[in-house]
Amino acid sequence: MAESVGVRLLFPRIRRLVPVVVTPRGNPRGFTLIEIMIVIAIIGILAAIAIPNYLSYREKSKCGRALLELRSIETSLLVWAVDTGMWPHKRPVGDVSGNEVWDLNSPSAGLVATDGGYPGWNGPYLANVPRDPWGNNYFFDNDYNINGQNVVAIGSFGTNGVGPNNYDADNIILIVSSD
């Protein structure tokens, strides 16, 4: 491949390399300031579109993970309730009045270990109760109020982590059935 006017091969012995356009003075031509600014603007526009979508999908995946973990806790809780006949704060199954349990890993809750207060305990029912995706404990509440009706529920305080007894719209709740 011979040299043509305005084009010179880099490393002429290696003819497979891409030719570089040179100026009449023989210096390689670079990008202009306008070209660089256009590329930066395009990258900025793409980032402005992609980052909010990424954050939205990330939050949706955290909510999905929390719900999946709550279903696992619910399964263990129902098996435990059948064995002991009690809810985690030592109330009979079916009783929808009482105190909440804010740490399901504690021995008084009875899922991971027992404090000896649960007859028929045959656990542990979970190796440990994980923290929710936002780093907070899952809770158990057998008098959780939904539309004026008390239900047995387990849940997460959601993205803002505001809890105990401060239930708000971002909580992730799973109603537990004892049937």
C-alpha atoms as a PDB file:
ATOM      1  CA  MET A   1       0.000   0.000   0.000  1.00  0.00           C
ATOM      2  CA  ALA A   2       1.669   3.206  -1.160  1.00  0.00           C
ATOM      3  CA  GLU A   3       1.467   6.560   0.584  1.00  0.00           C
ATOM      4  CA  SER A   4      -1.155   8.856  -0.848  1.00  0.00           C
ATOM      5  CA  VAL A   5      -1.357  12.644  -0.628  1.00  0.00           C
ATOM      6  CA  GLY A   6      -2.272  13.721   2.957  1.00  0.00           C
ATOM      7  CA  VAL A   7      -2.165  10.165   4.334  1.00  0.00           C
ATOM      8  CA  ARG A   8       0.849   8.556   5.952  1.00  0.00           C
ATOM      9  CA  LEU A   9       0.931   5.138   7.558  1.00  0.00           C
ATOM     10  CA  LEU A  10       1.924   4.817  11.170  1.00  0.00           C
ATOM     11  CA  PHE A  11       4.651   2.228  11.423  1.00  0.00           C
ATOM     12  CA  PRO A  12       5.044   1.755   7.647  1.00  0.00           C
ATOM     13  CA  ARG A  13       6.428  -1.755   8.108  1.00  0.00           C
ATOM     14  CA  ILE A  14       3.106  -2.906   9.593  1.00  0.00           C
ATOM     15  CA  ARG A  15       0.707  -2.185   6.755  1.00  0.00           C
ATOM     16  CA  ARG A  16      -2.446  -3.459   8.525  1.00  0.00           C
ATOM     17  CA  LEU A  17      -2.719  -0.443  10.828  1.00  0.00           C
ATOM     18  CA  VAL A  18      -5.258   2.265  10.122  1.00  0.00           C
ATOM     19  CA  PRO A  19      -3.842   5.315   8.326  1.00  0.00           C
ATOM     20  CA  VAL A  20      -3.877   8.619  10.215  1.00  0.00           C
ATOM     21  CA  VAL A  21      -4.939  11.828   8.451  1.00  0.00           C
ATOM     22  CA  VAL A  22      -2.215  14.451   8.680  1.00  0.00           C
ATOM     23  CA  THR A  23      -2.287  18.210   8.143  1.00  0.00           C
ATOM     24  CA  PRO A  24      -0.201  19.851   5.404  1.00  0.00           C
ATOM     25  CA  ARG A  25       2.524  20.550   8.016  1.00  0.00           C
ATOM     26  CA  GLY A  26       2.736  16.828   8.796  1.00  0.00           C
ATOM     27  CA  ASN A  27       1.167  16.965  12.310  1.00  0.00           C
ATOM     28  CA  PRO A  28      -1.655  14.525  13.222  1.00  0.00           C
ATOM     29  CA  ARG A  29      -5.071  16.179  13.306  1.00  0.00           C
ATOM     30  CA  GLY A  30      -6.973  15.963  16.680  1.00  0.00           C
ATOM     31  CA  PHE A  31     -10.568  16.638  17.739  1.00  0.00           C
ATOM     32  CA  THR A  32     -11.838  20.180  17.834  1.00  0.00           C
ATOM     33  CA  LEU A  33     -13.276  21.708  20.968  1.00  0.00           C
ATOM     34  CA  ILE A  34     -16.781  21.659  19.428  1.00  0.00           C
ATOM     35  CA  GLU A  35     -16.558  17.924  18.709  1.00  0.00           C
ATOM     36  CA  ILE A  36     -15.469  17.178  22.274  1.00  0.00           C
ATOM     37  CA  MET A  37     -18.283  19.344  23.699  1.00  0.00           C
ATOM     38  CA  ILE A  38     -20.868  17.548  21.553  1.00  0.00           C
ATOM     39  CA  VAL A  39     -19.654  14.153  22.756  1.00  0.00           C
ATOM     40  CA  ILE A  40     -19.756  15.297  26.402  1.00  0.00           C
ATOM     41  CA  ALA A  41     -23.294  16.667  25.890  1.00  0.00           C
ATOM     42  CA  ILE A  42     -24.460  13.350  24.413  1.00  0.00           C
ATOM     43  CA  ILE A  43     -22.939  11.429  27.342  1.00  0.00           C
ATOM     44  CA  GLY A  44     -24.659  13.844  29.758  1.00  0.00           C
ATOM     45  CA  ILE A  45     -28.047  13.331  28.097  1.00  0.00           C
ATOM     46  CA  LEU A  46     -27.661   9.548  28.194  1.00  0.00           C
ATOM     47  CA  ALA A  47     -26.659   9.693  31.871  1.00  0.00           C
ATOM     48  CA  ALA A  48     -29.658  11.916  32.664  1.00  0.00           C
ATOM     49  CA  ILE A  49     -31.935   9.284  31.158  1.00  0.00           C
ATOM     50  CA  ALA A  50     -30.203   6.166  32.512  1.00  0.00           C
ATOM     51  CA  ILE A  51     -29.477   7.086  36.145  1.00  0.00           C
ATOM     52  CA  PRO A  52     -33.103   7.749  37.263  1.00  0.00           C
ATOM     53  CA  ASN A  53     -34.218   4.520  35.569  1.00  0.00           C
ATOM     54  CA  TYR A  54     -31.434   2.611  37.300  1.00  0.00           C
ATOM     55  CA  LEU A  55     -32.398   4.020  40.711  1.00  0.00           C
ATOM     56  CA  SER A  56     -36.069   3.208  40.105  1.00  0.00           C
ATOM     57  CA  TYR A  57     -35.341  -0.401  39.170  1.00  0.00           C
ATOM     58  CA  ARG A  58     -32.980  -0.724  42.121  1.00  0.00           C
ATOM     59  CA  GLU A  59     -35.745   0.310  44.559  1.00  0.00           C
ATOM     60  CA  LYS A  60     -38.219  -2.053  42.886  1.00  0.00           C
ATOM     61  CA  SER A  61     -35.764  -4.921  43.283  1.00  0.00           C
ATOM     62  CA  LYS A  62     -35.291  -4.084  46.973  1.00  0.00           C
ATOM     63  CA  CYS A  63     -39.069  -4.172  47.494  1.00  0.00           C
ATOM     64  CA  GLY A  64     -39.216  -7.529  45.711  1.00  0.00           C
ATOM     65  CA  ARG A  65     -36.401  -8.905  47.860  1.00  0.00           C
ATOM     66  CA  ALA A  66     -38.148  -7.716  51.034  1.00  0.00           C
ATOM     67  CA  LEU A  67     -41.389  -9.413  49.982  1.00  0.00           C
ATOM     68  CA  LEU A  68     -39.533 -12.642  49.186  1.00  0.00           C
ATOM     69  CA  GLU A  69     -37.830 -12.611  52.595  1.00  0.00           C
ATOM     70  CA  LEU A  70     -41.173 -11.884  54.282  1.00  0.00           C
ATOM     71  CA  ARG A  71     -42.701 -14.939  52.591  1.00  0.00           C
ATOM     72  CA  SER A  72     -39.851 -17.072  53.919  1.00  0.00           C
ATOM     73  CA  ILE A  73     -40.369 -15.668  57.425  1.00  0.00           C
ATOM     74  CA  GLU A  74     -44.120 -16.259  57.091  1.00  0.00           C
ATOM     75  CA  THR A  75     -43.591 -19.944  56.243  1.00  0.00           C
ATOM     76  CA  SER A  76     -41.324 -20.421  59.261  1.00  0.00           C
ATOM     77  CA  LEU A  77     -43.699 -18.462  61.479  1.00  0.00           C
ATOM     78  CA  LEU A  78     -46.687 -20.622  60.498  1.00  0.00           C
ATOM     79  CA  VAL A  79     -44.805 -23.870  61.162  1.00  0.00           C
ATOM     80  CA  TRP A  80     -43.653 -22.445  64.489  1.00  0.00           C
ATOM     81  CA  ALA A  81     -47.234 -21.364  65.356  1.00  0.00           C
ATOM     82  CA  VAL A  82     -48.533 -24.877  64.631  1.00  0.00           C
ATOM     83  CA  ASP A  83     -45.843 -26.397  66.907  1.00  0.00           C
ATOM     84  CA  THR A  84     -46.285 -23.961  69.813  1.00  0.00           C
ATOM     85  CA  GLY A  85     -49.816 -22.632  69.396  1.00  0.00           C
ATOM     86  CA  MET A  86     -48.452 -19.140  70.078  1.00  0.00           C
ATOM     87  CA  TRP A  87     -47.379 -15.958  68.317  1.00  0.00           C
ATOM     88  CA  PRO A  88     -43.875 -14.579  68.910  1.00  0.00           C
ATOM     89  CA  HIS A  89     -44.832 -12.454  71.924  1.00  0.00           C
ATOM     90  CA  LYS A  90     -46.373 -15.416  73.772  1.00  0.00           C
ATOM     91  CA  ARG A  91     -49.988 -14.763  72.802  1.00  0.00           C
ATOM     92  CA  PRO A  92     -52.203 -17.602  71.576  1.00  0.00           C
ATOM     93  CA  VAL A  93     -52.579 -18.007  67.816  1.00  0.00           C
ATOM     94  CA  GLY A  94     -55.696 -16.134  66.729  1.00  0.00           C
ATOM     95  CA  ASP A  95     -55.283 -13.407  69.371  1.00  0.00           C
ATOM     96  CA  VAL A  96     -55.190 -10.066  67.575  1.00  0.00           C
ATOM     97  CA  SER A  97     -54.278  -7.933  70.530  1.00  0.00           C
ATOM     98  CA  GLY A  98     -50.892  -7.454  72.018  1.00  0.00           C
ATOM     99  CA  ASN A  99     -47.446  -6.130  71.596  1.00  0.00           C
ATOM    100  CA  GLU A 100     -45.249  -6.023  68.545  1.00  0.00           C
ATOM    101  CA  VAL A 101     -41.940  -7.841  68.209  1.00  0.00           C
ATOM    102  CA  TRP A 102     -39.314  -5.579  66.653  1.00  0.00           C
ATOM    103  CA  ASP A 103     -36.436  -8.090  66.534  1.00  0.00           C
ATOM    104  CA  LEU A 104     -37.386 -11.552  65.259  1.00  0.00           C
ATOM    105  CA  ASN A 105     -33.843 -12.841  65.985  1.00  0.00           C
ATOM    106  CA  SER A 106     -34.263 -12.475  69.748  1.00  0.00           C
ATOM    107  CA  PRO A 107     -34.869 -15.626  71.825  1.00  0.00           C
ATOM    108  CA  SER A 108     -38.122 -14.116  73.134  1.00  0.00           C
ATOM    109  CA  ALA A 109     -39.435 -14.119  69.545  1.00  0.00           C
ATOM    110  CA  GLY A 110     -38.830 -17.873  69.250  1.00  0.00           C
ATOM    111  CA  LEU A 111     -38.000 -18.273  65.548  1.00  0.00           C
ATOM    112  CA  VAL A 112     -34.209 -18.587  65.797  1.00  0.00           C
ATOM    113  CA  ALA A 113     -33.854 -19.604  69.454  1.00  0.00           C
ATOM    114  CA  THR A 114     -36.131 -19.847  72.455  1.00  0.00           C
ATOM    115  CA  ASP A 115     -36.112 -18.377  75.918  1.00  0.00           C
ATOM    116  CA  GLY A 116     -37.950 -21.481  77.171  1.00  0.00           C
ATOM    117  CA  GLY A 117     -41.373 -19.842  77.170  1.00  0.00           C
ATOM    118  CA  TYR A 118     -42.827 -21.736  74.214  1.00  0.00           C
ATOM    119  CA  PRO A 119     -44.191 -25.231  74.879  1.00  0.00           C
ATOM    120  CA  GLY A 120     -43.734 -27.561  71.914  1.00  0.00           C
ATOM    121  CA  TRP A 121     -40.903 -25.475  70.425  1.00  0.00           C
ATOM    122  CA  ASN A 122     -39.088 -27.665  67.907  1.00  0.00           C
ATOM    123  CA  GLY A 123     -36.733 -25.184  66.272  1.00  0.00           C
ATOM    124  CA  PRO A 124     -34.855 -23.294  65.192  1.00  0.00           C
ATOM    125  CA  TYR A 125     -37.314 -22.460  62.441  1.00  0.00           C
ATOM    126  CA  LEU A 126     -34.884 -20.107  60.697  1.00  0.00           C
ATOM    127  CA  ALA A 127     -31.084 -20.001  60.907  1.00  0.00           C
ATOM    128  CA  ASN A 128     -31.446 -16.238  61.325  1.00  0.00           C
ATOM    129  CA  VAL A 129     -33.903 -13.564  60.310  1.00  0.00           C
ATOM    130  CA  PRO A 130     -32.140 -11.265  57.826  1.00  0.00           C
ATOM    131  CA  ARG A 131     -32.361  -7.508  57.896  1.00  0.00           C
ATOM    132  CA  ASP A 132     -34.503  -5.910  55.240  1.00  0.00           C
ATOM    133  CA  PRO A 133     -32.783  -4.475  52.128  1.00  0.00           C
ATOM    134  CA  TRP A 134     -32.535  -1.065  53.833  1.00  0.00           C
ATOM    135  CA  GLY A 135     -30.737  -2.479  56.905  1.00  0.00           C
ATOM    136  CA  ASN A 136     -33.671  -2.562  59.362  1.00  0.00           C
ATOM    137  CA  ASN A 137     -35.208  -5.447  61.307  1.00  0.00           C
ATOM    138  CA  TYR A 138     -38.377  -7.106  60.096  1.00  0.00           C
ATOM    139  CA  PHE A 139     -41.203  -6.897  62.619  1.00  0.00           C
ATOM    140  CA  PHE A 140     -44.168  -8.982  63.765  1.00  0.00           C
ATOM    141  CA  ASP A 141     -47.424  -7.310  64.777  1.00  0.00           C
ATOM    142  CA  ASN A 142     -50.534  -9.272  65.636  1.00  0.00           C
ATOM    143  CA  ASP A 143     -52.710  -6.163  65.843  1.00  0.00           C
ATOM    144  CA  TYR A 144     -51.606  -4.313  62.706  1.00  0.00           C
ATOM    145  CA  ASN A 145     -54.411  -2.002  61.654  1.00  0.00           C
ATOM    146  CA  ILE A 146     -55.449  -2.075  58.002  1.00  0.00           C
ATOM    147  CA  ASN A 147     -58.586  -0.080  57.104  1.00  0.00           C
ATOM    148  CA  GLY A 148     -59.838  -0.225  60.698  1.00  0.00           C
ATOM    149  CA  GLN A 149     -59.359  -3.975  61.046  1.00  0.00           C
ATOM    150  CA  ASN A 150     -56.622  -5.592  63.137  1.00  0.00           C
ATOM    151  CA  VAL A 151     -54.675  -8.315  61.339  1.00  0.00           C
ATOM    152  CA  VAL A 152     -51.619 -10.424  62.079  1.00  0.00           C
ATOM    153  CA  ALA A 153     -48.779  -9.087  59.936  1.00  0.00           C
ATOM    154  CA  ILE A 154     -45.052  -9.203  59.440  1.00  0.00           C
ATOM    155  CA  GLY A 155     -43.296  -6.399  57.680  1.00  0.00           C
ATOM    156  CA  SER A 156     -40.511  -4.023  56.868  1.00  0.00           C
ATOM    157  CA  PHE A 157     -40.491  -0.291  57.529  1.00  0.00           C
ATOM    158  CA  GLY A 158     -39.496   0.263  53.901  1.00  0.00           C
ATOM    159  CA  THR A 159     -37.196   2.802  52.340  1.00  0.00           C
ATOM    160  CA  ASN A 160     -37.418   5.464  55.035  1.00  0.00           C
ATOM    161  CA  GLY A 161     -37.010   2.958  57.908  1.00  0.00           C
ATOM    162  CA  VAL A 162     -39.404   4.930  60.121  1.00  0.00           C
ATOM    163  CA  GLY A 163     -40.826   2.620  62.728  1.00  0.00           C
ATOM    164  CA  PRO A 164     -41.856   1.299  65.538  1.00  0.00           C
ATOM    165  CA  ASN A 165     -45.523   2.275  65.661  1.00  0.00           C
ATOM    166  CA  ASN A 166     -45.053   4.852  62.883  1.00  0.00           C
ATOM    167  CA  TYR A 167     -46.670   3.012  60.025  1.00  0.00           C
ATOM    168  CA  ASP A 168     -46.602   4.861  56.709  1.00  0.00           C
ATOM    169  CA  ALA A 169     -47.116   4.305  53.003  1.00  0.00           C
ATOM    170  CA  ASP A 170     -43.690   2.847  52.236  1.00  0.00           C
ATOM    171  CA  ASN A 171     -44.021  -0.071  54.675  1.00  0.00           C
ATOM    172  CA  ILE A 172     -43.985  -3.516  53.102  1.00  0.00           C
ATOM    173  CA  ILE A 173     -46.500  -5.674  54.894  1.00  0.00           C
ATOM    174  CA  LEU A 174     -47.447  -9.332  54.535  1.00  0.00           C
ATOM    175  CA  ILE A 175     -50.641 -10.430  56.246  1.00  0.00           C
ATOM    176  CA  VAL A 176     -50.090 -13.745  58.018  1.00  0.00           C
ATOM    177  CA  SER A 177     -52.835 -16.330  57.914  1.00  0.00           C
ATOM    178  CA  SER A 178     -53.031 -18.900  60.691  1.00  0.00           C
ATOM    179  CA  ASP A 179     -55.376 -21.209  58.738  1.00  0.00           C
END
